Amino acid sequence: MKTILVFKTSVHQKDEVKKLRPWLNKLVNTNGCWNFDLEDCDKILRVETQSLHAPTITSLLKNQGFYCEELH
């Protein structure tokens, strides 16, 4: 069963998404997908996954210098 995780981030520009793309692709792999909504005021990241947990994703973004908080 796939889960959709939703995060508020500090990613504002397409160049920043491009920087994160290889990391997120590797993390999500072929079992899911991800996308950013940069038009939303919270700069939403949605991750569809079968096996990932929110702390893994927040850690990845924080390690790359971005704010990331799971929304419930």
C-alpha atoms as a PDB file:
ATOM      1  CA  MET A   1       0.000   0.000   0.000  1.00  0.00           C
ATOM      2  CA  LYS A   2       1.345   3.408  -0.971  1.00  0.00           C
ATOM      3  CA  THR A   3       1.433   6.305   1.449  1.00  0.00           C
ATOM      4  CA  ILE A   4       1.492   9.990   0.539  1.00  0.00           C
ATOM      5  CA  LEU A   5       3.697  12.089   2.789  1.00  0.00           C
ATOM      6  CA  VAL A   6       3.330  15.888   2.652  1.00  0.00           C
ATOM      7  CA  PHE A   7       5.980  18.359   3.793  1.00  0.00           C
ATOM      8  CA  LYS A   8       6.319  22.119   4.207  1.00  0.00           C
ATOM      9  CA  THR A   9       9.744  23.169   2.871  1.00  0.00           C
ATOM     10  CA  SER A  10      11.971  26.164   2.223  1.00  0.00           C
ATOM     11  CA  VAL A  11      12.585  25.134  -1.403  1.00  0.00           C
ATOM     12  CA  HIS A  12      11.609  28.197  -3.468  1.00  0.00           C
ATOM     13  CA  GLN A  13      13.203  27.831  -6.908  1.00  0.00           C
ATOM     14  CA  LYS A  14      13.396  25.278  -9.683  1.00  0.00           C
ATOM     15  CA  ASP A  15      17.197  25.325  -9.392  1.00  0.00           C
ATOM     16  CA  GLU A  16      16.848  24.094  -5.811  1.00  0.00           C
ATOM     17  CA  VAL A  17      14.534  21.297  -6.945  1.00  0.00           C
ATOM     18  CA  LYS A  18      17.133  20.392  -9.582  1.00  0.00           C
ATOM     19  CA  LYS A  19      19.784  20.178  -6.824  1.00  0.00           C
ATOM     20  CA  LEU A  20      17.559  17.831  -4.794  1.00  0.00           C
ATOM     21  CA  ARG A  21      16.390  15.699  -7.752  1.00  0.00           C
ATOM     22  CA  PRO A  22      19.202  13.086  -7.668  1.00  0.00           C
ATOM     23  CA  TRP A  23      18.893  12.672  -3.897  1.00  0.00           C
ATOM     24  CA  LEU A  24      15.115  12.307  -3.954  1.00  0.00           C
ATOM     25  CA  ASN A  25      15.169   9.991  -6.974  1.00  0.00           C
ATOM     26  CA  LYS A  26      17.677   7.734  -5.233  1.00  0.00           C
ATOM     27  CA  LEU A  27      15.668   7.774  -2.001  1.00  0.00           C
ATOM     28  CA  VAL A  28      12.264   7.155  -3.588  1.00  0.00           C
ATOM     29  CA  ASN A  29      13.667   4.744  -6.215  1.00  0.00           C
ATOM     30  CA  THR A  30      11.161   2.986  -8.481  1.00  0.00           C
ATOM     31  CA  ASN A  31       8.605   2.309  -5.742  1.00  0.00           C
ATOM     32  CA  GLY A  32       7.177   5.807  -5.635  1.00  0.00           C
ATOM     33  CA  CYS A  33       7.326   9.385  -6.855  1.00  0.00           C
ATOM     34  CA  TRP A  34       7.753  12.918  -5.563  1.00  0.00           C
ATOM     35  CA  ASN A  35       6.952  16.483  -6.599  1.00  0.00           C
ATOM     36  CA  PHE A  36       7.134  20.035  -5.336  1.00  0.00           C
ATOM     37  CA  ASP A  37       4.358  22.611  -5.470  1.00  0.00           C
ATOM     38  CA  LEU A  38       6.377  25.837  -5.509  1.00  0.00           C
ATOM     39  CA  GLU A  39       3.214  27.890  -6.076  1.00  0.00           C
ATOM     40  CA  ASP A  40       1.872  26.911  -2.660  1.00  0.00           C
ATOM     41  CA  CYS A  41       2.807  29.271   0.184  1.00  0.00           C
ATOM     42  CA  ASP A  42       4.296  26.301   2.086  1.00  0.00           C
ATOM     43  CA  LYS A  43       6.389  25.122  -0.901  1.00  0.00           C
ATOM     44  CA  ILE A  44       4.894  21.652  -0.566  1.00  0.00           C
ATOM     45  CA  LEU A  45       6.818  18.444  -1.216  1.00  0.00           C
ATOM     46  CA  ARG A  46       4.635  15.365  -1.777  1.00  0.00           C
ATOM     47  CA  VAL A  47       6.196  11.929  -1.674  1.00  0.00           C
ATOM     48  CA  GLU A  48       4.296   8.806  -2.685  1.00  0.00           C
ATOM     49  CA  THR A  49       6.032   5.771  -1.210  1.00  0.00           C
ATOM     50  CA  GLN A  50       5.592   2.234   0.040  1.00  0.00           C
ATOM     51  CA  SER A  51       8.540   2.099   2.390  1.00  0.00           C
ATOM     52  CA  LEU A  52       9.867   5.550   3.320  1.00  0.00           C
ATOM     53  CA  HIS A  53       9.144   7.321   6.587  1.00  0.00           C
ATOM     54  CA  ALA A  54       8.894  11.075   7.121  1.00  0.00           C
ATOM     55  CA  PRO A  55      12.093  11.437   9.227  1.00  0.00           C
ATOM     56  CA  THR A  56      14.169  10.010   6.364  1.00  0.00           C
ATOM     57  CA  ILE A  57      12.897  12.696   3.995  1.00  0.00           C
ATOM     58  CA  THR A  58      13.176  15.564   6.474  1.00  0.00           C
ATOM     59  CA  SER A  59      16.756  14.516   7.249  1.00  0.00           C
ATOM     60  CA  LEU A  60      17.656  14.451   3.563  1.00  0.00           C
ATOM     61  CA  LEU A  61      16.380  17.990   2.968  1.00  0.00           C
ATOM     62  CA  LYS A  62      17.922  19.328   6.174  1.00  0.00           C
ATOM     63  CA  ASN A  63      21.286  17.785   5.218  1.00  0.00           C
ATOM     64  CA  GLN A  64      21.037  19.665   1.918  1.00  0.00           C
ATOM     65  CA  GLY A  65      20.392  22.945   3.742  1.00  0.00           C
ATOM     66  CA  PHE A  66      16.600  23.202   3.495  1.00  0.00           C
ATOM     67  CA  TYR A  67      13.837  23.466   6.069  1.00  0.00           C
ATOM     68  CA  CYS A  68      11.451  20.503   5.946  1.00  0.00           C
ATOM     69  CA  GLU A  69       8.536  19.659   8.238  1.00  0.00           C
ATOM     70  CA  GLU A  70       5.920  16.962   7.787  1.00  0.00           C
ATOM     71  CA  LEU A  71       2.339  18.233   7.604  1.00  0.00           C
ATOM     72  CA  HIS A  72      -0.364  16.092   9.183  1.00  0.00           C
END
